[in-house]
Amino acid sequence: MNSDLHISSLDLTEKRIHRILDPDHPLCREDVIWMLEFIKKKVADEDPAILDLSQPRLMQNFHFFAEAAMSLIHRRHYYDQEADRLRDWLREAAYGLY
């Protein structure tokens, strides 16, 4: 039963990530925060997926994480082009983690 709950939780997480990264989904501040929290937790938990990433790739992930976080700090609303750029930064920041 516990493994079923874990699989279900993974499915929900993956569905939410795909929805956030979908260009047809209107990106909101809560989505960005959720995605940044997801990435932060993966790093804090030392997820094994991180070990598969090269140091240059990890640096890229961090760079895009920082871009997304700074964007969140400086903007209150996202327009189409900005939302697309932010979505790309989130995708790159989470590379290899889901």
Protein backbone atom coordinates (compact mmCIF):
# COMPACT_ATOMS: atom_id res chain seq x y z
CA MET A 1 0.00 0.00 0.00
CA ASN A 2 2.81 2.42 0.87
CA SER A 3 4.46 1.88 -2.53
CA ASP A 4 1.13 2.61 -4.25
CA LEU A 5 0.92 5.90 -2.37
CA HIS A 6 4.51 6.73 -3.32
CA ILE A 7 3.87 5.95 -7.00
CA SER A 8 0.68 8.02 -6.93
CA SER A 9 2.58 10.93 -5.39
CA LEU A 10 5.26 10.67 -8.08
CA ASP A 11 2.59 10.63 -10.79
CA LEU A 12 0.94 13.75 -9.36
CA THR A 13 4.29 15.53 -9.13
CA GLU A 14 5.19 14.65 -12.70
CA LYS A 15 1.76 15.75 -13.94
CA ARG A 16 2.11 19.08 -12.16
CA ILE A 17 5.57 19.64 -13.63
CA HIS A 18 4.31 18.88 -17.13
CA ARG A 19 1.34 21.23 -16.61
CA ILE A 20 3.60 24.06 -15.39
CA LEU A 21 5.97 23.58 -18.33
CA ASP A 22 3.12 23.37 -20.86
CA PRO A 23 3.09 26.56 -22.99
CA ASP A 24 -0.73 26.46 -23.06
CA HIS A 25 -0.95 26.58 -19.26
CA PRO A 26 -1.20 30.15 -17.90
CA LEU A 27 1.84 30.42 -15.63
CA CYS A 28 1.19 31.93 -12.20
CA ARG A 29 3.40 32.90 -9.29
CA GLU A 30 2.32 29.84 -7.26
CA ASP A 31 3.46 27.54 -10.09
CA VAL A 32 6.90 29.15 -10.15
CA ILE A 33 7.24 28.91 -6.37
CA TRP A 34 6.11 25.27 -6.41
CA MET A 35 8.66 24.41 -9.11
CA LEU A 36 11.50 26.19 -7.29
CA GLU A 37 10.54 24.38 -4.06
CA PHE A 38 10.52 21.06 -5.95
CA ILE A 39 14.05 21.70 -7.24
CA LYS A 40 15.27 22.91 -3.84
CA LYS A 41 13.92 19.76 -2.17
CA LYS A 42 15.61 17.51 -4.73
CA VAL A 43 18.95 19.19 -4.02
CA ALA A 44 18.46 19.26 -0.23
CA ASP A 45 17.50 15.57 -0.20
CA GLU A 46 20.57 14.79 -2.33
CA ASP A 47 18.39 13.00 -4.86
CA PRO A 48 20.40 10.30 -6.70
CA ALA A 49 19.41 11.89 -10.04
CA ILE A 50 21.71 14.79 -9.16
CA LEU A 51 24.69 12.45 -9.03
CA ASP A 52 24.14 11.59 -12.70
CA LEU A 53 24.59 15.21 -13.75
CA SER A 54 28.00 16.57 -14.69
CA GLN A 55 29.41 19.55 -12.82
CA PRO A 56 28.92 21.85 -15.86
CA ARG A 57 25.27 20.70 -16.08
CA LEU A 58 24.78 21.31 -12.36
CA MET A 59 26.15 24.82 -12.84
CA GLN A 60 23.66 25.37 -15.67
CA ASN A 61 20.83 24.09 -13.48
CA PHE A 62 21.88 26.53 -10.76
CA HIS A 63 22.15 29.41 -13.22
CA PHE A 64 18.62 28.86 -14.50
CA PHE A 65 17.29 28.32 -10.95
CA ALA A 66 18.76 31.71 -10.01
CA GLU A 67 17.29 33.38 -13.13
CA ALA A 68 13.82 32.03 -12.29
CA ALA A 69 14.12 33.02 -8.62
CA MET A 70 15.29 36.55 -9.46
CA SER A 71 12.48 36.90 -11.98
CA LEU A 72 10.03 35.97 -9.25
CA ILE A 73 11.48 38.65 -6.98
CA HIS A 74 11.39 41.43 -9.59
CA ARG A 75 8.05 40.80 -11.31
CA ARG A 76 4.52 40.53 -10.07
CA HIS A 77 2.86 39.55 -13.37
CA TYR A 78 4.07 37.57 -16.35
CA TYR A 79 3.16 38.31 -19.92
CA ASP A 80 3.34 35.74 -22.74
CA GLN A 81 6.96 36.25 -23.78
CA GLU A 82 8.18 36.57 -20.18
CA ALA A 83 6.18 33.50 -19.13
CA ASP A 84 7.74 31.51 -21.98
CA ARG A 85 11.24 32.59 -20.93
CA LEU A 86 10.49 31.79 -17.28
CA ARG A 87 9.11 28.41 -18.27
CA ASP A 88 12.33 27.69 -20.20
CA TRP A 89 14.41 28.67 -17.15
CA LEU A 90 12.35 26.33 -14.94
CA ARG A 91 12.75 23.50 -17.46
CA GLU A 92 16.51 23.99 -17.53
CA ALA A 93 16.75 24.38 -13.73
CA ALA A 94 14.94 21.04 -13.25
CA TYR A 95 16.92 19.25 -15.97
CA GLY A 96 17.60 15.65 -14.92
CA LEU A 97 15.53 15.89 -11.73
CA TYR A 98 12.22 14.41 -12.91
